[in-house]
Amino acid sequence: MSLINDLVQGVVDGVLKDILKKPSSTSKRTRRRKRTTSTTSSATLRQIEKLLRPAKKQTSRKRTVRSRSKARRSS
């Protein structure tokens, strides 16, 4: 029995030492947001680039029931 007790005691001691050795804060650190540079020159440059972009084409819309019936009546 003393051999088993010594073995169990050794394992328990090893585990306790490992637990006590670990740092206290094991949680992950939260990521910080990157701050955007809000300089006036970059803001005006962004606005100018927005104005220079070509306009988006209008997407075709599906005809409603009312518009279809109007077209049918007029023809």
N, C-alpha and C. Protein backbone atom coordinates (compact mmCIF):
# COMPACT_ATOMS: atom_id res chain seq x y z
N MET A 1 0.82 -1.20 0.00
CA MET A 1 0.00 0.00 0.00
C MET A 1 0.85 1.25 0.00
N SER A 2 2.01 1.19 0.66
CA SER A 2 2.85 2.38 0.75
C SER A 2 3.38 2.77 -0.63
N LEU A 3 3.60 1.78 -1.51
CA LEU A 3 4.08 2.06 -2.86
C LEU A 3 3.03 2.83 -3.64
N ILE A 4 1.76 2.40 -3.53
CA ILE A 4 0.65 3.08 -4.23
C ILE A 4 0.45 4.48 -3.65
N ASN A 5 0.53 4.60 -2.32
CA ASN A 5 0.38 5.92 -1.68
C ASN A 5 1.48 6.88 -2.14
N ASP A 6 2.73 6.38 -2.22
CA ASP A 6 3.84 7.22 -2.68
C ASP A 6 3.63 7.67 -4.12
N LEU A 7 3.14 6.74 -4.97
CA LEU A 7 2.90 7.06 -6.37
C LEU A 7 1.81 8.13 -6.52
N VAL A 8 0.69 7.94 -5.80
CA VAL A 8 -0.42 8.90 -5.86
C VAL A 8 0.04 10.24 -5.29
N GLN A 9 0.77 10.22 -4.20
CA GLN A 9 1.25 11.46 -3.58
C GLN A 9 2.18 12.23 -4.53
N GLY A 10 3.03 11.50 -5.26
CA GLY A 10 3.94 12.13 -6.22
C GLY A 10 3.17 12.80 -7.36
N VAL A 11 2.14 12.10 -7.87
CA VAL A 11 1.33 12.64 -8.96
C VAL A 11 0.58 13.89 -8.49
N VAL A 12 -0.01 13.84 -7.30
CA VAL A 12 -0.76 14.97 -6.76
C VAL A 12 0.16 16.17 -6.55
N ASP A 13 1.34 15.93 -6.01
CA ASP A 13 2.31 17.01 -5.79
C ASP A 13 2.71 17.65 -7.12
N GLY A 14 2.95 16.83 -8.14
CA GLY A 14 3.34 17.36 -9.45
C GLY A 14 2.25 18.22 -10.07
N VAL A 15 1.00 17.76 -9.95
CA VAL A 15 -0.13 18.51 -10.51
C VAL A 15 -0.31 19.84 -9.78
N LEU A 16 -0.20 19.81 -8.45
CA LEU A 16 -0.35 21.04 -7.67
C LEU A 16 0.75 22.04 -8.01
N LYS A 17 1.98 21.56 -8.21
CA LYS A 17 3.07 22.46 -8.58
C LYS A 17 2.81 23.10 -9.94
N ASP A 18 2.29 22.31 -10.90
CA ASP A 18 1.98 22.85 -12.22
C ASP A 18 0.89 23.92 -12.14
N ILE A 19 -0.13 23.66 -11.34
CA ILE A 19 -1.24 24.61 -11.22
C ILE A 19 -0.75 25.91 -10.59
N LEU A 20 0.07 25.80 -9.55
CA LEU A 20 0.55 26.99 -8.86
C LEU A 20 1.59 27.76 -9.69
N LYS A 21 2.26 27.09 -10.61
CA LYS A 21 3.29 27.72 -11.43
C LYS A 21 2.67 28.59 -12.53
N LYS A 22 1.46 28.25 -12.99
CA LYS A 22 0.83 28.96 -14.10
C LYS A 22 0.50 30.39 -13.70
N PRO A 23 0.54 31.32 -14.67
CA PRO A 23 0.19 32.72 -14.36
C PRO A 23 -1.28 32.83 -13.97
N SER A 24 -1.59 33.88 -13.21
CA SER A 24 -2.95 34.02 -12.69
C SER A 24 -3.95 34.37 -13.77
N SER A 25 -3.55 35.16 -14.79
CA SER A 25 -4.50 35.56 -15.83
C SER A 25 -4.30 34.69 -17.06
N THR A 26 -5.17 33.70 -17.23
CA THR A 26 -5.07 32.81 -18.38
C THR A 26 -6.04 33.21 -19.48
N SER A 27 -6.88 34.25 -19.23
CA SER A 27 -7.87 34.64 -20.24
C SER A 27 -7.18 35.38 -21.37
N LYS A 28 -7.77 35.29 -22.57
CA LYS A 28 -7.20 35.95 -23.74
C LYS A 28 -7.39 37.46 -23.64
N ARG A 29 -6.43 38.18 -24.13
CA ARG A 29 -6.50 39.64 -24.12
C ARG A 29 -7.40 40.10 -25.26
N THR A 30 -8.25 41.06 -24.97
CA THR A 30 -9.17 41.55 -26.00
C THR A 30 -8.40 42.40 -27.00
N ARG A 31 -8.81 42.31 -28.25
CA ARG A 31 -8.14 43.08 -29.29
C ARG A 31 -8.56 44.54 -29.22
N ARG A 32 -7.59 45.41 -29.41
CA ARG A 32 -7.89 46.83 -29.45
C ARG A 32 -8.21 47.25 -30.85
N ARG A 33 -9.17 48.17 -30.98
CA ARG A 33 -9.53 48.67 -32.31
C ARG A 33 -8.45 49.61 -32.82
N LYS A 34 -8.21 49.54 -34.11
CA LYS A 34 -7.26 50.46 -34.71
C LYS A 34 -7.96 51.80 -34.89
N ARG A 35 -7.30 52.84 -34.47
CA ARG A 35 -7.88 54.17 -34.63
C ARG A 35 -7.70 54.65 -36.06
N THR A 36 -8.76 55.18 -36.63
CA THR A 36 -8.66 55.71 -37.98
C THR A 36 -8.06 57.11 -37.91
N THR A 37 -7.23 57.40 -38.88
CA THR A 37 -6.62 58.72 -38.90
C THR A 37 -7.64 59.71 -39.44
N SER A 38 -8.04 60.63 -38.61
CA SER A 38 -9.08 61.59 -39.00
C SER A 38 -8.47 62.94 -39.31
N THR A 39 -7.44 62.93 -40.15
CA THR A 39 -6.85 64.20 -40.54
C THR A 39 -7.70 64.82 -41.63
N THR A 40 -7.68 66.13 -41.71
CA THR A 40 -8.55 66.83 -42.66
C THR A 40 -8.13 66.56 -44.09
N SER A 41 -6.83 66.39 -44.33
CA SER A 41 -6.37 66.17 -45.70
C SER A 41 -6.86 64.83 -46.24
N SER A 42 -6.82 63.79 -45.38
CA SER A 42 -7.27 62.48 -45.85
C SER A 42 -8.79 62.45 -46.03
N ALA A 43 -9.51 63.21 -45.18
CA ALA A 43 -10.96 63.26 -45.31
C ALA A 43 -11.38 63.95 -46.60
N THR A 44 -10.72 65.05 -46.93
CA THR A 44 -11.05 65.76 -48.17
C THR A 44 -10.65 64.94 -49.38
N LEU A 45 -9.53 64.24 -49.29
CA LEU A 45 -9.09 63.37 -50.39
C LEU A 45 -10.11 62.27 -50.64
N ARG A 46 -10.65 61.70 -49.55
CA ARG A 46 -11.66 60.65 -49.67
C ARG A 46 -12.93 61.18 -50.35
N GLN A 47 -13.32 62.41 -50.01
CA GLN A 47 -14.51 63.01 -50.62
C GLN A 47 -14.30 63.26 -52.10
N ILE A 48 -13.11 63.72 -52.47
CA ILE A 48 -12.80 63.97 -53.88
C ILE A 48 -12.83 62.68 -54.67
N GLU A 49 -12.26 61.60 -54.10
CA GLU A 49 -12.27 60.30 -54.78
C GLU A 49 -13.69 59.80 -54.97
N LYS A 50 -14.54 60.07 -54.00
CA LYS A 50 -15.94 59.66 -54.09
C LYS A 50 -16.64 60.37 -55.24
N LEU A 51 -16.34 61.66 -55.42
CA LEU A 51 -16.95 62.44 -56.51
C LEU A 51 -16.44 61.99 -57.87
N LEU A 52 -15.21 61.53 -57.94
CA LEU A 52 -14.62 61.13 -59.22
C LEU A 52 -15.06 59.75 -59.68
N ARG A 53 -15.60 58.96 -58.76
CA ARG A 53 -16.05 57.61 -59.14
C ARG A 53 -17.22 57.70 -60.11
N PRO A 54 -17.28 56.80 -61.10
CA PRO A 54 -18.41 56.82 -62.03
C PRO A 54 -19.70 56.43 -61.33
N ALA A 55 -20.81 57.01 -61.80
CA ALA A 55 -22.11 56.73 -61.19
C ALA A 55 -22.52 55.30 -61.47
N LYS A 56 -23.21 54.71 -60.50
CA LYS A 56 -23.68 53.33 -60.68
C LYS A 56 -24.85 53.32 -61.64
N LYS A 57 -24.90 52.28 -62.47
CA LYS A 57 -26.01 52.16 -63.40
C LYS A 57 -27.28 51.76 -62.66
N GLN A 58 -28.39 52.26 -63.14
CA GLN A 58 -29.66 51.94 -62.49
C GLN A 58 -30.06 50.52 -62.83
N THR A 59 -30.46 49.78 -61.83
CA THR A 59 -30.89 48.39 -62.07
C THR A 59 -32.33 48.40 -62.55
N SER A 60 -32.64 47.46 -63.42
CA SER A 60 -34.00 47.40 -63.95
C SER A 60 -34.93 46.86 -62.89
N ARG A 61 -36.08 47.52 -62.75
CA ARG A 61 -37.05 47.08 -61.74
C ARG A 61 -38.13 46.24 -62.39
N LYS A 62 -38.60 45.27 -61.65
CA LYS A 62 -39.66 44.40 -62.16
C LYS A 62 -40.96 45.18 -62.25
N ARG A 63 -41.70 45.00 -63.34
CA ARG A 63 -42.96 45.72 -63.52
C ARG A 63 -43.99 45.25 -62.50
N THR A 64 -44.74 46.19 -61.96
CA THR A 64 -45.79 45.83 -61.02
C THR A 64 -47.04 45.42 -61.80
N VAL A 65 -47.97 44.84 -61.13
CA VAL A 65 -49.22 44.40 -61.76
C VAL A 65 -49.96 45.60 -62.33
N ARG A 66 -49.97 46.71 -61.58
CA ARG A 66 -50.69 47.91 -62.02
C ARG A 66 -50.10 48.46 -63.31
N SER A 67 -48.78 48.54 -63.39
CA SER A 67 -48.15 49.10 -64.60
C SER A 67 -48.37 48.18 -65.80
N ARG A 68 -48.41 46.88 -65.58
CA ARG A 68 -48.66 45.96 -66.69
C ARG A 68 -50.07 46.12 -67.23
N SER A 69 -51.02 46.30 -66.31
CA SER A 69 -52.41 46.44 -66.77
C SER A 69 -52.61 47.78 -67.50
N LYS A 70 -51.93 48.83 -67.05
CA LYS A 70 -52.00 50.12 -67.75
C LYS A 70 -51.48 50.00 -69.17
N ALA A 71 -50.37 49.29 -69.34
CA ALA A 71 -49.78 49.12 -70.67
C ALA A 71 -50.71 48.31 -71.55
N ARG A 72 -51.38 47.34 -70.99
CA ARG A 72 -52.31 46.50 -71.74
C ARG A 72 -53.53 47.31 -72.18
N ARG A 73 -54.02 48.20 -71.28
CA ARG A 73 -55.19 49.01 -71.60
C ARG A 73 -54.89 50.02 -72.70
N SER A 74 -53.71 50.62 -72.67
CA SER A 74 -53.40 51.68 -73.63
C SER A 74 -53.14 51.14 -75.02
N SER A 75 -52.76 49.87 -75.17
CA SER A 75 -52.47 49.36 -76.51
C SER A 75 -53.70 48.85 -77.22
